[in-house]
Every structure is written in C-alpha cells, then in structure tokens.
Amino acid sequence: MSRNKDLIKLVDNEVLSAMVKKIFYQMNPYLNEHTLRLMVGSLADALGYGGTKLVSQATGISPPTITSGRRELNGLLNQSAYAYSKDANAEETVTAPPVDRIRRSGGGRKSSVTSDERIRSALFDLIYPKTYEDPDTHEKRCDLSARQLARELQSKGFQISHTCVGMILKEFGYTTYVKKPTNSK
C-alpha cells in the first residue's frame, strides 16, 4: 500500500479533521468492529505520516486500534493467512479474522464456571437437599430459584450470576421452576 506522506502537509489539519469526522460519522452506523478498524486504518494510511494521530483525534478511536486496522488492511492486501505473527526479521502483522467472525477466537475472559470446578460442587451441595422429582413431568426440580442459589454461592465467596447458575442447573438436568399454589375451592 503506497502512502502519500505529503497529503497531511498539503491540506490544513482542521480541514482534514473535518473530512475524517464526516466520513466516520456517516459510515459508523453501518460498520462492525472489524470493518470500523479497517476503515480508520485506511483513512490513517491514506493521510500518511501523522494520519493515525489525526484520525484518532477526529474520531475518538484509540491510536492502537487504528494501527491494528492499518496492519490488518496491509495483511489483507498482501493476501496473508488469518494469523498473528511476529517474526524476528519481519514487522509485526495482524490479519483479519475469518469471514464468519468479527473477532479472532480465544479472546475474552474465561467463564468462572469453566475455570472453577468448586462452583459446581458447591452448587450441587446446595441443591441436593432441596431436590425432588415432579410426579407429572418426572423432571428433577429444586425449591430454590437461580437467584437464591446465586446469592448463597456469592455469600460463600464465589462470583457467579443467576444466569450462570441456571446454565449449570440445566446441565445437571434440573429446573428451578416451582408450581405456584392455586387457590381452588
């Protein structure tokens, strides 16, 4: 990708900044994370030296994100495979995620449910005494709600939400639904 290093010197920075803002705010509603990075990377690359700083100031996007977009764009143009590599003799390159993904796989915080087996054990200890089988559906049921169970686990020092408790109960084959008593005469 060739850079026009003189563009930023030929045109007033305020004019360039206004142009970048207009392009950014017109296109932003139609972009996902990946295409946004590519767009701001492309704008910065087209501006040349100082382009990353100008695009960052105009859009509010961090310079590392813009630099990442430039690298991804260069990787796509070089037809490189989806990967992150840093070769001792080569420049650090970051290429785009696969077409069916926005982010590369493996990112994000690991779920506490998968990383801490003690949670499952503590939850089972809580629900076992409160378990019964529904005579109509033959499902295993627990008298406590997912929220109540989550509060109990939190009081024991675990960081877990009622949503995660519900997922674990489902894996165990339980349901927390309790039939409400009816007032029949």
C-alpha atoms as a PDB file:
ATOM      1  CA  MET A   1       0.000   0.000   0.000  1.00  0.00           C
ATOM      2  CA  SER A   2       1.575   3.271  -1.016  1.00  0.00           C
ATOM      3  CA  ARG A   3       1.343   6.215   1.305  1.00  0.00           C
ATOM      4  CA  ASN A   4       1.041   9.810   0.278  1.00  0.00           C
ATOM      5  CA  LYS A   5       3.170  11.325   3.027  1.00  0.00           C
ATOM      6  CA  ASP A   6       2.640  14.837   1.671  1.00  0.00           C
ATOM      7  CA  LEU A   7      -1.195  14.900   1.896  1.00  0.00           C
ATOM      8  CA  ILE A   8      -1.219  15.857   5.555  1.00  0.00           C
ATOM      9  CA  LYS A   9       1.243  18.688   4.756  1.00  0.00           C
ATOM     10  CA  LEU A  10      -0.703  19.983   1.730  1.00  0.00           C
ATOM     11  CA  VAL A  11      -4.082  20.375   3.399  1.00  0.00           C
ATOM     12  CA  ASP A  12      -4.844  22.170   6.647  1.00  0.00           C
ATOM     13  CA  ASN A  13      -5.249  19.753   9.581  1.00  0.00           C
ATOM     14  CA  GLU A  14      -8.629  21.277  10.510  1.00  0.00           C
ATOM     15  CA  VAL A  15      -9.944  20.597   7.009  1.00  0.00           C
ATOM     16  CA  LEU A  16      -8.618  17.032   7.063  1.00  0.00           C
ATOM     17  CA  SER A  17     -10.045  16.503  10.545  1.00  0.00           C
ATOM     18  CA  ALA A  18     -13.468  17.743   9.417  1.00  0.00           C
ATOM     19  CA  MET A  19     -13.362  15.419   6.394  1.00  0.00           C
ATOM     20  CA  VAL A  20     -12.385  12.416   8.537  1.00  0.00           C
ATOM     21  CA  LYS A  21     -15.152  13.217  11.061  1.00  0.00           C
ATOM     22  CA  LYS A  22     -17.758  13.463   8.302  1.00  0.00           C
ATOM     23  CA  ILE A  23     -16.705  10.151   6.741  1.00  0.00           C
ATOM     24  CA  PHE A  24     -16.547   8.462  10.143  1.00  0.00           C
ATOM     25  CA  TYR A  25     -19.950   9.629  11.396  1.00  0.00           C
ATOM     26  CA  GLN A  26     -21.654   8.841   8.078  1.00  0.00           C
ATOM     27  CA  MET A  27     -20.225   5.316   7.905  1.00  0.00           C
ATOM     28  CA  ASN A  28     -20.107   4.367  11.614  1.00  0.00           C
ATOM     29  CA  PRO A  29     -23.727   3.101  11.884  1.00  0.00           C
ATOM     30  CA  TYR A  30     -23.054   0.553   9.130  1.00  0.00           C
ATOM     31  CA  LEU A  31     -19.779  -0.841  10.478  1.00  0.00           C
ATOM     32  CA  ASN A  32     -18.977  -3.641  12.888  1.00  0.00           C
ATOM     33  CA  GLU A  33     -15.777  -3.735  14.973  1.00  0.00           C
ATOM     34  CA  HIS A  34     -13.698  -5.278  12.220  1.00  0.00           C
ATOM     35  CA  THR A  35     -14.817  -3.049   9.356  1.00  0.00           C
ATOM     36  CA  LEU A  36     -14.510   0.011  11.613  1.00  0.00           C
ATOM     37  CA  ARG A  37     -10.862  -0.861  12.309  1.00  0.00           C
ATOM     38  CA  LEU A  38     -10.251  -1.335   8.589  1.00  0.00           C
ATOM     39  CA  MET A  39     -11.898   1.982   7.720  1.00  0.00           C
ATOM     40  CA  VAL A  40      -9.982   4.086  10.269  1.00  0.00           C
ATOM     41  CA  GLY A  41      -6.790   2.227   9.372  1.00  0.00           C
ATOM     42  CA  SER A  42      -7.377   3.030   5.718  1.00  0.00           C
ATOM     43  CA  LEU A  43      -8.043   6.705   6.479  1.00  0.00           C
ATOM     44  CA  ALA A  44      -4.875   6.958   8.562  1.00  0.00           C
ATOM     45  CA  ASP A  45      -2.861   5.175   5.883  1.00  0.00           C
ATOM     46  CA  ALA A  46      -4.182   7.489   3.167  1.00  0.00           C
ATOM     47  CA  LEU A  47      -3.176  10.533   5.212  1.00  0.00           C
ATOM     48  CA  GLY A  48       0.360   9.227   5.657  1.00  0.00           C
ATOM     49  CA  TYR A  49       2.698  10.426   8.384  1.00  0.00           C
ATOM     50  CA  GLY A  50       0.644  11.765  11.312  1.00  0.00           C
ATOM     51  CA  GLY A  51      -2.529  10.159   9.969  1.00  0.00           C
ATOM     52  CA  THR A  52      -3.029   7.905  12.974  1.00  0.00           C
ATOM     53  CA  LYS A  53      -2.923  10.857  15.363  1.00  0.00           C
ATOM     54  CA  LEU A  54      -5.265  12.957  13.213  1.00  0.00           C
ATOM     55  CA  VAL A  55      -7.810  10.132  12.774  1.00  0.00           C
ATOM     56  CA  SER A  56      -7.654   9.378  16.500  1.00  0.00           C
ATOM     57  CA  GLN A  57      -8.329  12.998  17.425  1.00  0.00           C
ATOM     58  CA  ALA A  58     -11.140  13.318  14.860  1.00  0.00           C
ATOM     59  CA  THR A  59     -12.938  10.069  15.718  1.00  0.00           C
ATOM     60  CA  GLY A  60     -12.056   9.380  19.346  1.00  0.00           C
ATOM     61  CA  ILE A  61     -10.737   5.921  18.439  1.00  0.00           C
ATOM     62  CA  SER A  62      -7.520   4.943  20.178  1.00  0.00           C
ATOM     63  CA  PRO A  63      -4.272   5.007  18.176  1.00  0.00           C
ATOM     64  CA  PRO A  64      -3.546   1.291  18.874  1.00  0.00           C
ATOM     65  CA  THR A  65      -6.915   0.385  17.319  1.00  0.00           C
ATOM     66  CA  ILE A  66      -6.132   2.482  14.253  1.00  0.00           C
ATOM     67  CA  THR A  67      -2.671   0.932  13.970  1.00  0.00           C
ATOM     68  CA  SER A  68      -4.234  -2.514  14.265  1.00  0.00           C
ATOM     69  CA  GLY A  69      -6.605  -1.607  11.411  1.00  0.00           C
ATOM     70  CA  ARG A  70      -3.673  -0.480   9.277  1.00  0.00           C
ATOM     71  CA  ARG A  71      -1.865  -3.759   9.916  1.00  0.00           C
ATOM     72  CA  GLU A  72      -4.975  -5.819   9.171  1.00  0.00           C
ATOM     73  CA  LEU A  73      -5.551  -3.892   5.963  1.00  0.00           C
ATOM     74  CA  ASN A  74      -1.940  -4.406   4.890  1.00  0.00           C
ATOM     75  CA  GLY A  75      -2.281  -8.105   5.735  1.00  0.00           C
ATOM     76  CA  LEU A  76      -5.436  -8.410   3.627  1.00  0.00           C
ATOM     77  CA  LEU A  77      -3.792  -6.650   0.719  1.00  0.00           C
ATOM     78  CA  ASN A  78      -0.789  -8.963   0.977  1.00  0.00           C
ATOM     79  CA  GLN A  79      -3.159 -11.987   0.904  1.00  0.00           C
ATOM     80  CA  SER A  80      -1.682 -13.355   4.115  1.00  0.00           C
ATOM     81  CA  ALA A  81      -3.424 -16.080   6.094  1.00  0.00           C
ATOM     82  CA  TYR A  82      -5.501 -15.388   9.190  1.00  0.00           C
ATOM     83  CA  ALA A  83      -2.918 -15.301  11.937  1.00  0.00           C
ATOM     84  CA  TYR A  84      -0.994 -13.150  14.312  1.00  0.00           C
ATOM     85  CA  SER A  85       2.729 -13.445  13.889  1.00  0.00           C
ATOM     86  CA  LYS A  86       5.839 -11.685  14.985  1.00  0.00           C
ATOM     87  CA  ASP A  87       8.885 -12.900  13.169  1.00  0.00           C
ATOM     88  CA  ALA A  88      12.304 -11.770  14.383  1.00  0.00           C
ATOM     89  CA  ASN A  89      13.129 -10.476  10.899  1.00  0.00           C
ATOM     90  CA  ALA A  90       9.679  -9.237   9.897  1.00  0.00           C
ATOM     91  CA  GLU A  91       7.365  -6.483  11.020  1.00  0.00           C
ATOM     92  CA  GLU A  92       4.559  -7.486  13.391  1.00  0.00           C
ATOM     93  CA  THR A  93       1.489  -8.342  11.312  1.00  0.00           C
ATOM     94  CA  VAL A  94      -2.129  -8.789  12.305  1.00  0.00           C
ATOM     95  CA  THR A  95      -4.558 -10.084   9.739  1.00  0.00           C
ATOM     96  CA  ALA A  96      -8.311 -10.163   9.647  1.00  0.00           C
ATOM     97  CA  PRO A  97     -10.482 -12.721  11.367  1.00  0.00           C
ATOM     98  CA  PRO A  98     -12.290 -15.295   9.236  1.00  0.00           C
ATOM     99  CA  VAL A  99     -15.255 -14.038   7.227  1.00  0.00           C
ATOM    100  CA  ASP A 100     -17.803 -15.621   9.590  1.00  0.00           C
ATOM    101  CA  ARG A 101     -16.320 -13.918  12.684  1.00  0.00           C
ATOM    102  CA  ILE A 102     -15.780 -10.335  13.813  1.00  0.00           C
ATOM    103  CA  ARG A 103     -13.152 -11.140  16.431  1.00  0.00           C
ATOM    104  CA  ARG A 104     -10.359 -13.656  16.440  1.00  0.00           C
ATOM    105  CA  SER A 105     -11.108 -16.755  18.501  1.00  0.00           C
ATOM    106  CA  GLY A 106      -9.743 -17.192  22.010  1.00  0.00           C
ATOM    107  CA  GLY A 107     -10.248 -13.647  23.233  1.00  0.00           C
ATOM    108  CA  GLY A 108     -12.126 -12.569  26.296  1.00  0.00           C
ATOM    109  CA  ARG A 109     -12.279 -13.644  29.887  1.00  0.00           C
ATOM    110  CA  LYS A 110     -12.788 -17.316  30.590  1.00  0.00           C
ATOM    111  CA  SER A 111     -16.039 -18.172  32.313  1.00  0.00           C
ATOM    112  CA  SER A 112     -15.726 -18.767  36.046  1.00  0.00           C
ATOM    113  CA  VAL A 113     -17.979 -21.781  35.582  1.00  0.00           C
ATOM    114  CA  THR A 114     -15.460 -23.480  33.312  1.00  0.00           C
ATOM    115  CA  SER A 115     -12.387 -22.357  35.223  1.00  0.00           C
ATOM    116  CA  ASP A 116     -13.528 -23.178  38.789  1.00  0.00           C
ATOM    117  CA  GLU A 117     -14.900 -26.671  39.421  1.00  0.00           C
ATOM    118  CA  ARG A 118     -15.567 -25.758  43.063  1.00  0.00           C
ATOM    119  CA  ILE A 119     -18.602 -23.766  41.895  1.00  0.00           C
ATOM    120  CA  ARG A 120     -20.304 -26.874  40.505  1.00  0.00           C
ATOM    121  CA  SER A 121     -19.533 -28.830  43.653  1.00  0.00           C
ATOM    122  CA  ALA A 122     -20.839 -26.067  45.937  1.00  0.00           C
ATOM    123  CA  LEU A 123     -23.967 -25.670  43.825  1.00  0.00           C
ATOM    124  CA  PHE A 124     -24.666 -29.399  43.906  1.00  0.00           C
ATOM    125  CA  ASP A 125     -24.260 -29.351  47.703  1.00  0.00           C
ATOM    126  CA  LEU A 126     -26.868 -26.579  47.880  1.00  0.00           C
ATOM    127  CA  ILE A 127     -29.455 -28.162  45.585  1.00  0.00           C
ATOM    128  CA  TYR A 128     -29.178 -31.807  46.626  1.00  0.00           C
ATOM    129  CA  PRO A 129     -31.169 -31.463  49.887  1.00  0.00           C
ATOM    130  CA  LYS A 130     -33.829 -29.359  48.110  1.00  0.00           C
ATOM    131  CA  THR A 131     -34.287 -31.718  45.154  1.00  0.00           C
ATOM    132  CA  TYR A 132     -37.440 -33.604  44.293  1.00  0.00           C
ATOM    133  CA  GLU A 133     -38.933 -35.194  41.208  1.00  0.00           C
ATOM    134  CA  ASP A 134     -42.036 -33.703  39.699  1.00  0.00           C
ATOM    135  CA  PRO A 135     -44.632 -36.500  39.541  1.00  0.00           C
ATOM    136  CA  ASP A 136     -46.233 -35.076  36.400  1.00  0.00           C
ATOM    137  CA  THR A 137     -43.155 -34.463  34.245  1.00  0.00           C
ATOM    138  CA  HIS A 138     -40.554 -36.627  36.037  1.00  0.00           C
ATOM    139  CA  GLU A 139     -38.113 -33.713  35.965  1.00  0.00           C
ATOM    140  CA  LYS A 140     -35.629 -33.035  38.747  1.00  0.00           C
ATOM    141  CA  ARG A 141     -36.646 -29.831  40.462  1.00  0.00           C
ATOM    142  CA  CYS A 142     -35.153 -27.598  43.104  1.00  0.00           C
ATOM    143  CA  ASP A 143     -37.157 -25.483  45.535  1.00  0.00           C
ATOM    144  CA  LEU A 144     -34.668 -22.610  45.346  1.00  0.00           C
ATOM    145  CA  SER A 145     -34.610 -20.163  42.454  1.00  0.00           C
ATOM    146  CA  ALA A 146     -31.477 -19.477  40.422  1.00  0.00           C
ATOM    147  CA  ARG A 147     -31.258 -16.048  42.071  1.00  0.00           C
ATOM    148  CA  GLN A 148     -31.459 -17.553  45.564  1.00  0.00           C
ATOM    149  CA  LEU A 149     -28.800 -20.113  44.688  1.00  0.00           C
ATOM    150  CA  ALA A 150     -26.566 -17.396  43.207  1.00  0.00           C
ATOM    151  CA  ARG A 151     -26.896 -15.332  46.407  1.00  0.00           C
ATOM    152  CA  GLU A 152     -25.973 -18.386  48.504  1.00  0.00           C
ATOM    153  CA  LEU A 153     -22.898 -19.047  46.347  1.00  0.00           C
ATOM    154  CA  GLN A 154     -21.921 -15.368  46.469  1.00  0.00           C
ATOM    155  CA  SER A 155     -22.132 -15.434  50.272  1.00  0.00           C
ATOM    156  CA  LYS A 156     -19.643 -18.325  50.154  1.00  0.00           C
ATOM    157  CA  GLY A 157     -17.205 -16.190  48.152  1.00  0.00           C
ATOM    158  CA  PHE A 158     -17.977 -17.265  44.574  1.00  0.00           C
ATOM    159  CA  GLN A 159     -18.506 -14.721  41.818  1.00  0.00           C
ATOM    160  CA  ILE A 160     -21.440 -16.080  39.858  1.00  0.00           C
ATOM    161  CA  SER A 161     -24.658 -14.728  38.420  1.00  0.00           C
ATOM    162  CA  HIS A 162     -28.114 -16.262  38.438  1.00  0.00           C
ATOM    163  CA  THR A 163     -27.771 -16.759  34.681  1.00  0.00           C
ATOM    164  CA  CYS A 164     -24.702 -18.973  35.138  1.00  0.00           C
ATOM    165  CA  VAL A 165     -26.438 -20.859  37.943  1.00  0.00           C
ATOM    166  CA  GLY A 166     -29.350 -21.525  35.588  1.00  0.00           C
ATOM    167  CA  MET A 167     -26.991 -22.860  32.907  1.00  0.00           C
ATOM    168  CA  ILE A 168     -25.304 -25.214  35.355  1.00  0.00           C
ATOM    169  CA  LEU A 169     -28.653 -26.439  36.658  1.00  0.00           C
ATOM    170  CA  LYS A 170     -29.729 -27.145  33.094  1.00  0.00           C
ATOM    171  CA  GLU A 171     -26.521 -29.155  32.560  1.00  0.00           C
ATOM    172  CA  PHE A 172     -27.319 -31.109  35.739  1.00  0.00           C
ATOM    173  CA  GLY A 173     -30.811 -31.813  34.370  1.00  0.00           C
ATOM    174  CA  TYR A 174     -32.553 -29.632  36.965  1.00  0.00           C
ATOM    175  CA  THR A 175     -35.160 -26.957  36.742  1.00  0.00           C
ATOM    176  CA  THR A 176     -35.877 -24.333  39.378  1.00  0.00           C
ATOM    177  CA  TYR A 177     -39.449 -23.822  38.303  1.00  0.00           C
ATOM    178  CA  VAL A 178     -41.812 -24.379  41.194  1.00  0.00           C
ATOM    179  CA  LYS A 179     -45.519 -24.694  40.576  1.00  0.00           C
ATOM    180  CA  LYS A 180     -47.302 -21.875  42.337  1.00  0.00           C
ATOM    181  CA  PRO A 181     -50.114 -22.984  44.592  1.00  0.00           C
ATOM    182  CA  THR A 182     -53.544 -22.292  43.227  1.00  0.00           C
ATOM    183  CA  ASN A 183     -56.471 -21.146  45.279  1.00  0.00           C
ATOM    184  CA  SER A 184     -59.039 -23.683  44.254  1.00  0.00           C
ATOM    185  CA  LYS A 185     -62.205 -24.057  46.313  1.00  0.00           C
END
